[in-house]
């Protein structure tokens, strides 16, 4: 779904930024709308890297995850 997966933000260290395709934007909006208040796992190569709680539907085609302890995380 995402077109670019990782962007290192100097202002906000250890921030993962996602930009979705048009199709990915709709799918991610649907998934996040259906899971507000629930955990949604961020999985890469079969490993869970983060398990944040969805605060609100993410409909704009972009998402970010911050608060990781290191760039490697």
Protein backbone atom coordinates (compact mmCIF):
# COMPACT_ATOMS: atom_id res chain seq x y z
CA UNK A 1 0.00 0.00 0.00
CA UNK A 2 2.58 2.68 0.87
CA UNK A 3 4.57 4.32 -1.89
CA UNK A 4 7.38 5.45 0.37
CA UNK A 5 7.88 3.85 3.72
CA UNK A 6 10.58 5.55 5.73
CA UNK A 7 11.49 9.18 6.16
CA UNK A 8 13.84 10.27 8.92
CA UNK A 9 12.61 13.53 10.40
CA UNK A 10 15.36 15.56 12.08
CA UNK A 11 12.82 17.71 13.94
CA UNK A 12 11.08 14.62 15.31
CA UNK A 13 13.74 11.97 15.78
CA UNK A 14 12.83 8.35 15.09
CA UNK A 15 9.63 9.08 13.18
CA UNK A 16 8.34 6.71 10.51
CA UNK A 17 6.32 8.43 7.79
CA UNK A 18 4.09 6.64 5.29
CA UNK A 19 2.56 7.97 2.07
CA UNK A 20 -0.09 5.79 0.45
CA UNK A 21 -1.21 5.28 -3.12
CA UNK A 22 -4.82 6.18 -3.95
CA UNK A 23 -5.91 2.58 -3.41
CA UNK A 24 -3.84 2.30 -0.22
CA UNK A 25 -5.35 5.55 1.10
CA UNK A 26 -8.86 4.10 0.86
CA UNK A 27 -7.89 0.74 2.37
CA UNK A 28 -6.00 2.34 5.28
CA UNK A 29 -8.89 4.76 5.91
CA UNK A 30 -11.33 1.83 6.05
CA UNK A 31 -9.10 -0.20 8.38
CA UNK A 32 -8.37 2.67 10.75
CA UNK A 33 -12.04 3.79 10.83
CA UNK A 34 -13.09 0.26 11.78
CA UNK A 35 -10.46 0.05 14.53
CA UNK A 36 -10.60 3.36 16.42
CA UNK A 37 -9.63 2.70 20.03
CA UNK A 38 -8.04 -0.64 19.16
CA UNK A 39 -4.45 -1.70 18.60
CA UNK A 40 -3.22 -2.09 15.03
CA UNK A 41 0.09 -3.90 14.55
CA UNK A 42 2.84 -2.59 12.28
CA UNK A 43 4.37 -5.76 10.82
CA UNK A 44 7.44 -6.09 8.61
CA UNK A 45 8.87 -9.42 7.49
CA UNK A 46 6.55 -11.21 9.91
CA UNK A 47 7.79 -9.27 12.95
CA UNK A 48 5.66 -6.79 14.92
CA UNK A 49 7.57 -3.52 15.25
CA UNK A 50 4.87 -1.39 16.83
CA UNK A 51 1.34 -1.91 18.13
CA UNK A 52 -0.19 1.56 18.53
CA UNK A 53 -3.80 2.36 19.39
CA UNK A 54 -5.74 3.96 16.52
CA UNK A 55 -6.83 7.40 17.77
CA UNK A 56 -8.92 8.34 14.73
CA UNK A 57 -9.53 7.26 11.14
CA UNK A 58 -6.54 8.17 8.98
CA UNK A 59 -8.02 9.35 5.70
CA UNK A 60 -5.50 11.77 4.18
CA UNK A 61 -3.16 9.28 2.53
CA UNK A 62 -0.33 9.91 5.00
CA UNK A 63 0.47 8.49 8.41
CA UNK A 64 3.34 8.67 10.87
CA UNK A 65 4.52 6.76 13.89
CA UNK A 66 6.71 8.53 16.43
CA UNK A 67 8.08 7.74 19.86
CA UNK A 68 10.35 4.88 18.84
CA UNK A 69 13.47 4.63 20.99
CA UNK A 70 15.91 4.46 18.08
CA UNK A 71 16.20 4.76 14.29
CA UNK A 72 16.72 0.99 14.10
CA UNK A 73 13.46 0.28 15.93
